[in-house]
Amino acid sequence: MEKLWRPLGHLFLTFFLYNFGTFMVAPTITDVTMFAVCPHQPECSIAIYLTGFQQAVIGLGTLFMMPLVGNLSDRYGRKALLTLPMSLSIIPLAILAYSRSRNFFYAYYVLKTITSMVCEGSVQCLALAYVADNVPVRRRAAAFGILSGIGSAAFVCGTFIARFLSTASTFQVATAVAIAGTVYMRIFLPDVAVEESLKTPILCRGKEKIVADFPNEISPIKSEQIFKSRPSLRDMLTMLQSSKIFTQAAVVAFFLSLSDAGFQASVTYYLKAEFHFNKDQFADLMVISGVAGTVSQMANLYNDVREQVPYAASMLSIFFVFSQPCMRAIVSKQVGSCEQGKAQGCISGISSFANVVAPLVFSPLSALFLSDNAPFDFPGFSIMCVGFAMMVAFVQSLMIRVPPPIAEERVDNPNHVDSYA
């Protein structure tokens, strides 16, 4: 058992440090954007559209990058692929750690957009695949839950620390933590070799069918190297078509990400315009959301009861944290161990497509209903639409009936974790 959890311990700390540095700047970025784009204004449509455009471009990039990252990690290892997004994520943080003036903000904006095409979701995708490599099927749901809990803990700690730091110090500390996480990962995280003896139930069936239909084409053995390193739409469609459960999980993932990205595109500017939130109030709200109802550092609550509603609503996030580990565990059980990177990358790619759609829909809605030209008085209309998207995901999740997981056949391997179970 100790040998089972030792490599995961290094992964969990790496995952914590990465998310700590990423989430620490979340409470401050709205104020930084507003100050650089339209200073001294309580609401700014330009800032909303800039944020929405950035989210859409990042989502479009990750739509193509996530399956590629997953496939490459199946061939070259999770550690090698983790190095790229963790290293790139340092650059935008370092820019704002140096200065948050208008010119530096736009430099950050451009580099953040470019680097996030690789970084956004890659670390989570690779971490999930790493866990699947090291944990037996029957324990993966619990392991994914632990990983999700560590991400939530990093979210709480990062936003809590940001509550007491100045804006400049927040970005400086976040940069230092991101560097420390990357160095720690490179030194201590053991890599996992890909085992060629594993069966690949879904994609192998798809490839066998292709060879049967097109016997004159390149054989699977000769095309294996190309197939593993370069994902295609056919690979994703093969996964989706070969398992009804996988398709249903993909639909849930899409609407979950649609609602989450839509909420992110709407809520901060809504709170800024309606309640005049600043960095400290955003940090308070995020801490409450992260600890699912545990109130922390609520020194700046307003006396108006209506302004306490965002804090109370954030407590409902306790129900959201179960969705990702459960969905990822369901997906993991539908494929073989040497396909974990592909499967998690496929789901992450679908989620990224939702991240493209969400800002295109919700950013204009937020800007419209927060302006003086709204068709009717409903500043939170976009947030209500987010709730509808979440309801679609909930209804679809109720329709999933998970069969027994795919059995995996292995050659004798004394280093495999099943021997420690």
Protein backbone atom coordinates (compact mmCIF):
# COMPACT_ATOMS: atom_id res chain seq x y z
CA MET A 1 0.00 0.00 0.00
CA GLU A 2 2.86 2.38 0.80
CA LYS A 3 4.37 1.74 -2.64
CA LEU A 4 0.99 2.45 -4.18
CA TRP A 5 0.60 5.92 -2.67
CA ARG A 6 4.25 7.08 -2.68
CA PRO A 7 4.29 8.30 -6.33
CA LEU A 8 0.83 9.75 -5.89
CA GLY A 9 2.06 11.75 -2.89
CA HIS A 10 4.52 13.58 -5.15
CA LEU A 11 1.79 14.08 -7.75
CA PHE A 12 -0.63 15.45 -5.17
CA LEU A 13 1.90 17.99 -3.91
CA THR A 14 2.76 19.00 -7.48
CA PHE A 15 -0.93 19.40 -8.27
CA PHE A 16 -1.44 21.42 -5.10
CA LEU A 17 1.41 23.82 -5.84
CA TYR A 18 0.32 24.36 -9.44
CA ASN A 19 -3.28 25.10 -8.48
CA PHE A 20 -2.20 27.21 -5.51
CA GLY A 21 -0.25 29.54 -7.78
CA THR A 22 -2.99 29.60 -10.41
CA PHE A 23 -5.92 30.27 -8.08
CA MET A 24 -4.08 32.79 -5.92
CA VAL A 25 -4.40 35.47 -8.61
CA ALA A 26 -8.09 34.79 -9.30
CA PRO A 27 -9.46 37.35 -6.79
CA THR A 28 -7.21 40.11 -8.17
CA ILE A 29 -7.43 39.67 -11.94
CA THR A 30 -10.79 41.43 -12.32
CA ASP A 31 -9.51 44.54 -10.56
CA VAL A 32 -6.29 44.46 -12.59
CA THR A 33 -8.26 44.17 -15.83
CA MET A 34 -10.67 46.95 -14.92
CA PHE A 35 -7.84 49.26 -13.82
CA ALA A 36 -5.88 48.70 -17.04
CA VAL A 37 -8.78 48.90 -19.49
CA CYS A 38 -11.20 51.40 -17.92
CA PRO A 39 -9.89 52.77 -14.61
CA HIS A 40 -12.19 54.27 -12.00
CA GLN A 41 -15.35 52.85 -13.60
CA PRO A 42 -17.69 50.45 -11.72
CA GLU A 43 -18.64 48.61 -14.93
CA CYS A 44 -16.87 48.17 -18.26
CA SER A 45 -18.24 46.36 -21.29
CA ILE A 46 -14.81 46.38 -22.93
CA ALA A 47 -13.32 44.41 -20.05
CA ILE A 48 -16.15 41.88 -20.25
CA TYR A 49 -15.66 41.41 -23.99
CA LEU A 50 -11.87 41.16 -23.62
CA THR A 51 -12.25 38.45 -20.99
CA GLY A 52 -14.85 36.63 -23.07
CA PHE A 53 -12.69 36.79 -26.19
CA GLN A 54 -9.72 35.44 -24.26
CA GLN A 55 -11.75 32.54 -22.88
CA ALA A 56 -13.06 31.72 -26.35
CA VAL A 57 -9.60 31.70 -27.94
CA ILE A 58 -8.16 29.64 -25.09
CA GLY A 59 -11.03 27.18 -25.36
CA LEU A 60 -10.52 26.86 -29.12
CA GLY A 61 -6.83 26.19 -28.64
CA THR A 62 -7.31 23.65 -25.88
CA LEU A 63 -9.97 21.91 -27.96
CA PHE A 64 -7.17 20.76 -30.26
CA MET A 65 -4.38 20.60 -27.68
CA MET A 66 -6.00 18.42 -25.02
CA PRO A 67 -6.33 15.26 -27.16
CA LEU A 68 -2.80 15.86 -28.47
CA VAL A 69 -1.39 16.23 -24.96
CA GLY A 70 -3.23 13.11 -23.81
CA ASN A 71 -1.97 11.04 -26.74
CA LEU A 72 1.61 12.25 -26.41
CA SER A 73 1.58 11.46 -22.70
CA ASP A 74 0.57 7.87 -23.50
CA ARG A 75 3.75 7.59 -25.56
CA TYR A 76 6.33 9.80 -23.86
CA GLY A 77 5.09 9.67 -20.27
CA ARG A 78 3.08 11.95 -18.02
CA LYS A 79 6.07 13.69 -16.43
CA ALA A 80 7.54 14.89 -19.73
CA LEU A 81 4.22 16.39 -20.79
CA LEU A 82 3.57 17.95 -17.37
CA THR A 83 6.76 19.96 -17.72
CA LEU A 84 5.45 22.02 -20.63
CA PRO A 85 2.23 23.50 -19.18
CA MET A 86 3.72 23.99 -15.72
CA SER A 87 6.69 25.88 -17.17
CA LEU A 88 4.61 28.02 -19.53
CA SER A 89 2.21 29.03 -16.76
CA ILE A 90 5.03 30.90 -15.01
CA ILE A 91 5.49 33.49 -17.78
CA PRO A 92 2.19 35.44 -17.54
CA LEU A 93 2.38 35.49 -13.74
CA ALA A 94 5.90 36.89 -13.85
CA ILE A 95 4.79 39.77 -16.11
CA LEU A 96 2.14 41.02 -13.70
CA ALA A 97 4.46 40.35 -10.78
CA TYR A 98 6.78 42.95 -12.32
CA SER A 99 4.15 45.56 -13.25
CA ARG A 100 0.40 45.91 -13.77
CA SER A 101 0.42 49.02 -15.92
CA ARG A 102 -1.58 49.14 -19.15
CA ASN A 103 1.26 48.01 -21.42
CA PHE A 104 2.29 45.16 -19.14
CA PHE A 105 -1.32 44.10 -18.79
CA TYR A 106 -1.72 43.76 -22.56
CA ALA A 107 1.55 41.84 -22.73
CA TYR A 108 0.15 39.56 -20.03
CA TYR A 109 -3.15 39.29 -21.90
CA VAL A 110 -1.48 38.13 -25.13
CA LEU A 111 0.93 35.69 -23.48
CA LYS A 112 -1.74 34.35 -21.13
CA THR A 113 -3.97 33.64 -24.11
CA ILE A 114 -1.20 31.83 -25.99
CA THR A 115 0.19 29.83 -23.08
CA SER A 116 -3.23 28.86 -21.75
CA MET A 117 -3.96 27.06 -25.01
CA VAL A 118 -1.47 24.49 -23.73
CA CYS A 119 -1.77 24.99 -19.96
CA GLU A 120 -5.53 25.25 -19.45
CA GLY A 121 -6.71 21.85 -18.31
CA SER A 122 -3.49 20.04 -19.30
CA VAL A 123 -2.22 19.58 -15.76
CA GLN A 124 -5.55 18.19 -14.58
CA CYS A 125 -5.82 15.91 -17.60
CA LEU A 126 -2.29 14.54 -17.13
CA ALA A 127 -2.74 14.22 -13.36
CA LEU A 128 -5.88 12.15 -13.87
CA ALA A 129 -4.07 9.91 -16.36
CA TYR A 130 -1.15 9.55 -13.92
CA VAL A 131 -3.52 8.49 -11.15
CA ALA A 132 -5.16 5.96 -13.48
CA ASP A 133 -1.71 4.55 -14.29
CA ASN A 134 -0.96 3.91 -10.62
CA VAL A 135 -4.31 2.97 -9.10
CA PRO A 136 -6.38 -0.19 -9.71
CA VAL A 137 -9.76 0.27 -11.36
CA ARG A 138 -11.76 -0.35 -8.19
CA ARG A 139 -9.92 2.45 -6.35
CA ARG A 140 -9.84 5.11 -9.05
CA ALA A 141 -13.03 6.90 -8.03
CA ALA A 142 -11.61 7.45 -4.55
CA ALA A 143 -8.24 8.53 -5.96
CA PHE A 144 -9.88 10.97 -8.38
CA GLY A 145 -11.90 12.32 -5.46
CA ILE A 146 -8.71 12.87 -3.46
CA LEU A 147 -7.14 14.68 -6.42
CA SER A 148 -10.22 16.88 -6.75
CA GLY A 149 -10.13 17.57 -3.01
CA ILE A 150 -6.49 18.63 -3.25
CA GLY A 151 -7.40 21.00 -6.06
CA SER A 152 -10.16 22.46 -3.87
CA ALA A 153 -7.73 22.78 -0.96
CA ALA A 154 -5.29 24.64 -3.21
CA PHE A 155 -8.15 26.90 -4.29
CA VAL A 156 -9.06 27.69 -0.69
CA CYS A 157 -5.47 28.24 0.44
CA GLY A 158 -4.56 30.37 -2.58
CA THR A 159 -7.57 32.67 -2.35
CA PHE A 160 -7.29 32.84 1.44
CA ILE A 161 -3.65 33.95 1.27
CA ALA A 162 -4.52 36.47 -1.47
CA ARG A 163 -6.99 38.04 0.96
CA PHE A 164 -4.08 39.34 3.06
CA LEU A 165 -1.61 40.28 0.31
CA SER A 166 -1.37 43.35 -1.85
CA THR A 167 -1.97 42.93 -5.57
CA ALA A 168 1.74 43.14 -6.37
CA SER A 169 2.67 40.65 -3.64
CA THR A 170 -0.06 38.26 -4.80
CA PHE A 171 1.46 37.90 -8.27
CA GLN A 172 4.99 37.69 -6.88
CA VAL A 173 4.09 34.88 -4.47
CA ALA A 174 2.08 33.09 -7.18
CA THR A 175 5.09 33.21 -9.52
CA ALA A 176 7.39 31.82 -6.84
CA VAL A 177 4.97 28.98 -6.04
CA ALA A 178 4.58 28.13 -9.74
CA ILE A 179 8.37 27.90 -10.10
CA ALA A 180 8.64 25.77 -6.95
CA GLY A 181 5.94 23.41 -8.21
CA THR A 182 7.69 22.91 -11.55
CA VAL A 183 11.09 22.28 -9.93
CA TYR A 184 9.58 19.88 -7.39
CA MET A 185 7.81 17.94 -10.13
CA ARG A 186 10.98 17.56 -12.21
CA ILE A 187 13.04 16.37 -9.22
CA PHE A 188 10.71 14.14 -7.24
CA LEU A 189 7.82 12.93 -9.40
CA PRO A 190 8.59 9.41 -10.73
CA ASP A 191 7.59 8.80 -14.30
CA VAL A 192 5.42 5.85 -15.32
CA ALA A 193 6.49 3.76 -18.27
CA VAL A 194 3.79 2.88 -20.76
CA GLU A 195 3.25 -0.87 -20.87
CA GLU A 196 2.88 -2.30 -24.35
CA SER A 197 1.28 -5.48 -22.98
CA LEU A 198 -1.96 -3.76 -22.05
CA LYS A 199 -5.09 -4.28 -24.03
CA THR A 200 -6.73 -1.21 -25.59
CA PRO A 201 -10.39 -2.20 -25.82
CA ILE A 202 -11.98 0.80 -27.48
CA LEU A 203 -9.46 2.19 -29.91
CA CYS A 204 -8.00 -1.17 -30.81
CA ARG A 205 -11.46 -2.34 -31.84
CA GLY A 206 -11.78 0.80 -33.91
CA LYS A 207 -8.39 0.26 -35.57
CA GLU A 208 -9.11 -3.39 -36.27
CA LYS A 209 -12.31 -2.39 -38.02
CA ILE A 210 -10.46 0.19 -40.11
CA VAL A 211 -7.86 -2.39 -41.17
CA ALA A 212 -10.61 -4.87 -42.07
CA ASP A 213 -12.37 -2.30 -44.22
CA PHE A 214 -9.19 -0.99 -45.86
CA PRO A 215 -6.74 -3.91 -46.09
CA ASN A 216 -4.38 -2.05 -48.44
CA GLU A 217 -3.77 0.72 -45.96
CA ILE A 218 -0.86 0.89 -43.52
CA SER A 219 -1.02 -1.85 -40.92
CA PRO A 220 -1.81 -1.01 -37.30
CA ILE A 221 1.71 -2.02 -36.25
CA LYS A 222 3.33 0.38 -38.71
CA SER A 223 0.91 3.18 -37.95
CA GLU A 224 1.02 2.72 -34.17
CA GLN A 225 3.71 5.34 -33.68
CA ILE A 226 1.83 7.91 -35.77
CA PHE A 227 -1.46 7.03 -34.11
CA LYS A 228 -0.10 7.52 -30.62
CA SER A 229 1.59 10.82 -31.31
CA ARG A 230 -0.95 12.51 -33.53
CA PRO A 231 -4.62 12.33 -32.50
CA SER A 232 -7.36 12.68 -35.07
CA LEU A 233 -11.05 13.35 -35.09
CA ARG A 234 -11.53 9.69 -36.02
CA ASP A 235 -9.90 8.65 -32.73
CA MET A 236 -12.29 10.80 -30.71
CA LEU A 237 -15.31 9.62 -32.71
CA THR A 238 -14.22 6.00 -32.24
CA MET A 239 -14.20 6.50 -28.49
CA LEU A 240 -17.57 8.24 -28.49
CA GLN A 241 -19.23 5.69 -30.76
CA SER A 242 -17.81 2.62 -29.05
CA SER A 243 -19.33 3.33 -25.65
CA LYS A 244 -22.73 4.79 -24.85
CA ILE A 245 -21.51 5.55 -21.34
CA PHE A 246 -18.54 7.48 -22.73
CA THR A 247 -20.88 9.52 -24.95
CA GLN A 248 -23.19 10.34 -22.05
CA ALA A 249 -20.22 11.37 -19.90
CA ALA A 250 -19.05 13.61 -22.76
CA VAL A 251 -22.45 15.34 -22.86
CA VAL A 252 -22.33 15.88 -19.10
CA ALA A 253 -18.78 17.23 -19.40
CA PHE A 254 -19.84 19.67 -22.10
CA PHE A 255 -22.74 21.20 -20.17
CA LEU A 256 -20.79 21.22 -16.89
CA SER A 257 -17.98 23.14 -18.54
CA LEU A 258 -20.47 25.37 -20.37
CA SER A 259 -22.10 26.37 -17.10
CA ASP A 260 -18.78 26.74 -15.26
CA ALA A 261 -17.18 28.88 -17.98
CA GLY A 262 -20.37 30.90 -18.36
CA PHE A 263 -20.45 31.53 -14.63
CA GLN A 264 -16.83 32.68 -14.66
CA ALA A 265 -17.53 34.97 -17.60
CA SER A 266 -20.48 36.58 -15.82
CA VAL A 267 -20.27 36.53 -12.06
CA THR A 268 -17.18 38.66 -11.33
CA TYR A 269 -18.29 41.59 -13.47
CA TYR A 270 -21.85 41.23 -12.17
CA LEU A 271 -20.62 41.46 -8.58
CA LYS A 272 -18.33 44.34 -9.51
CA ALA A 273 -21.19 46.31 -11.10
CA GLU A 274 -23.97 45.47 -8.63
CA PHE A 275 -22.12 45.22 -5.30
CA HIS A 276 -18.82 47.02 -6.08
CA PHE A 277 -16.75 44.02 -5.08
CA ASN A 278 -12.98 44.42 -4.82
CA LYS A 279 -10.12 41.95 -4.41
CA ASP A 280 -10.90 41.25 -0.79
CA GLN A 281 -14.59 40.53 -1.36
CA PHE A 282 -13.75 38.26 -4.30
CA ALA A 283 -11.29 36.40 -2.09
CA ASP A 284 -13.91 36.00 0.64
CA LEU A 285 -16.42 34.65 -1.85
CA MET A 286 -13.94 32.17 -3.31
CA VAL A 287 -12.88 30.94 0.12
CA ILE A 288 -16.51 30.25 1.02
CA SER A 289 -17.02 28.43 -2.26
CA GLY A 290 -13.85 26.40 -1.77
CA VAL A 291 -14.64 25.22 1.74
CA ALA A 292 -18.29 24.63 0.80
CA GLY A 293 -19.96 26.71 3.44
CA THR A 294 -17.19 27.37 5.94
CA VAL A 295 -17.09 31.12 6.40
CA SER A 296 -13.58 32.60 6.54
CA GLN A 297 -12.35 36.18 6.83
CA MET A 298 -15.76 37.84 6.34
CA ALA A 299 -14.63 41.18 7.75
CA ASN A 300 -15.93 43.25 4.87
CA LEU A 301 -19.54 42.06 4.70
CA TYR A 302 -22.02 44.76 3.93
CA ASN A 303 -24.91 45.65 6.19
CA ASP A 304 -27.41 45.40 3.35
CA VAL A 305 -28.96 41.92 3.51
CA ARG A 306 -29.23 41.77 -0.30
CA GLU A 307 -25.47 41.98 -0.55
CA GLN A 308 -25.07 38.84 1.56
CA VAL A 309 -26.79 36.75 -1.11
CA PRO A 310 -23.59 36.05 -3.11
CA TYR A 311 -21.94 34.63 0.00
CA ALA A 312 -24.88 32.39 0.81
CA ALA A 313 -25.19 31.20 -2.79
CA SER A 314 -21.51 30.26 -2.93
CA MET A 315 -22.11 27.68 -0.18
CA LEU A 316 -24.09 25.58 -2.67
CA SER A 317 -20.83 24.74 -4.43
CA ILE A 318 -20.54 21.76 -2.05
CA PHE A 319 -22.70 19.82 -4.49
CA PHE A 320 -20.61 20.72 -7.54
CA VAL A 321 -17.33 19.23 -6.30
CA PHE A 322 -18.61 15.66 -6.66
CA SER A 323 -19.28 15.93 -10.41
CA GLN A 324 -15.75 15.97 -11.84
CA PRO A 325 -14.21 13.01 -9.95
CA CYS A 326 -17.32 10.89 -10.52
CA MET A 327 -17.43 11.68 -14.24
CA ARG A 328 -13.69 11.14 -14.70
CA ALA A 329 -13.87 7.82 -12.86
CA ILE A 330 -16.72 6.66 -15.12
CA VAL A 331 -14.68 7.59 -18.20
CA SER A 332 -11.56 5.90 -16.83
CA LYS A 333 -13.40 2.60 -16.41
CA GLN A 334 -14.52 2.55 -20.04
CA VAL A 335 -11.01 2.29 -21.51
CA GLY A 336 -7.83 0.31 -20.99
CA SER A 337 -4.89 1.60 -18.97
CA CYS A 338 -2.79 2.55 -22.00
CA GLU A 339 -5.68 4.74 -23.22
CA GLN A 340 -6.13 6.82 -20.08
CA GLY A 341 -4.37 9.81 -21.61
CA LYS A 342 -6.49 9.61 -24.76
CA ALA A 343 -9.74 9.24 -22.85
CA GLN A 344 -9.08 12.05 -20.37
CA GLY A 345 -7.74 14.21 -23.21
CA CYS A 346 -10.91 13.57 -25.21
CA ILE A 347 -13.13 14.67 -22.31
CA SER A 348 -10.90 17.67 -21.69
CA GLY A 349 -11.13 18.58 -25.38
CA ILE A 350 -14.93 18.46 -25.25
CA SER A 351 -14.85 20.61 -22.13
CA SER A 352 -12.59 23.03 -23.99
CA PHE A 353 -15.15 23.29 -26.78
CA ALA A 354 -17.68 24.32 -24.15
CA ASN A 355 -15.17 26.94 -23.01
CA VAL A 356 -15.27 28.33 -26.55
CA VAL A 357 -19.05 28.48 -26.68
CA ALA A 358 -19.62 29.87 -23.17
CA PRO A 359 -17.98 33.31 -23.51
CA LEU A 360 -19.52 33.79 -26.96
CA VAL A 361 -22.94 33.37 -25.33
CA PHE A 362 -22.59 34.66 -21.79
CA SER A 363 -20.22 37.61 -22.22
CA PRO A 364 -22.60 39.52 -24.55
CA LEU A 365 -25.50 38.65 -22.25
CA SER A 366 -23.62 39.96 -19.22
CA ALA A 367 -22.57 43.14 -21.00
CA LEU A 368 -26.11 43.74 -22.28
CA PHE A 369 -27.99 43.22 -19.02
CA LEU A 370 -25.44 45.16 -16.96
CA SER A 371 -25.69 48.16 -19.29
CA ASP A 372 -28.32 50.87 -19.52
CA ASN A 373 -29.61 49.34 -22.77
CA ALA A 374 -30.92 46.10 -21.24
CA PRO A 375 -34.27 45.00 -22.72
CA PHE A 376 -35.59 44.53 -19.17
CA ASP A 377 -34.25 44.96 -15.66
CA PHE A 378 -32.57 41.64 -14.87
CA PRO A 379 -28.81 42.15 -14.20
CA GLY A 380 -28.36 38.47 -13.32
CA PHE A 381 -30.04 37.09 -16.44
CA SER A 382 -26.82 35.47 -17.72
CA ILE A 383 -26.35 33.72 -14.36
CA MET A 384 -29.87 32.31 -14.63
CA CYS A 385 -28.95 30.91 -18.06
CA VAL A 386 -25.91 29.29 -16.44
CA GLY A 387 -28.31 27.53 -14.08
CA PHE A 388 -30.28 26.17 -17.04
CA ALA A 389 -27.09 24.70 -18.55
CA MET A 390 -26.26 23.08 -15.22
CA MET A 391 -29.73 21.56 -15.09
CA VAL A 392 -29.21 19.96 -18.53
CA ALA A 393 -26.00 18.34 -17.25
CA PHE A 394 -27.81 17.12 -14.15
CA VAL A 395 -30.66 15.53 -16.13
CA GLN A 396 -28.21 13.82 -18.50
CA SER A 397 -26.18 12.48 -15.57
CA LEU A 398 -29.28 10.79 -14.19
CA MET A 399 -29.54 8.78 -17.41
CA ILE A 400 -26.09 7.20 -17.07
CA ARG A 401 -26.18 3.54 -16.12
CA VAL A 402 -22.61 2.36 -15.69
CA PRO A 403 -21.87 -1.28 -16.62
CA PRO A 404 -19.01 -3.23 -15.01
CA PRO A 405 -15.61 -1.76 -15.98
CA ILE A 406 -13.64 -3.18 -18.89
CA ALA A 407 -11.40 -6.01 -17.71
CA GLU A 408 -7.71 -5.45 -18.31
CA GLU A 409 -5.34 -8.30 -19.14
CA ARG A 410 -1.69 -7.90 -18.23
CA VAL A 411 1.43 -9.93 -18.40
CA ASP A 412 3.15 -10.69 -15.13
CA ASN A 413 4.61 -7.44 -13.84
CA PRO A 414 5.92 -7.38 -10.30
CA ASN A 415 5.97 -3.57 -10.29
CA HIS A 416 2.30 -3.17 -11.07
CA VAL A 417 0.19 -1.69 -8.28
CA ASP A 418 -2.34 -4.53 -8.32
CA SER A 419 0.26 -6.62 -6.52
CA TYR A 420 0.01 -4.22 -3.59
CA ALA A 421 -3.77 -4.24 -3.39
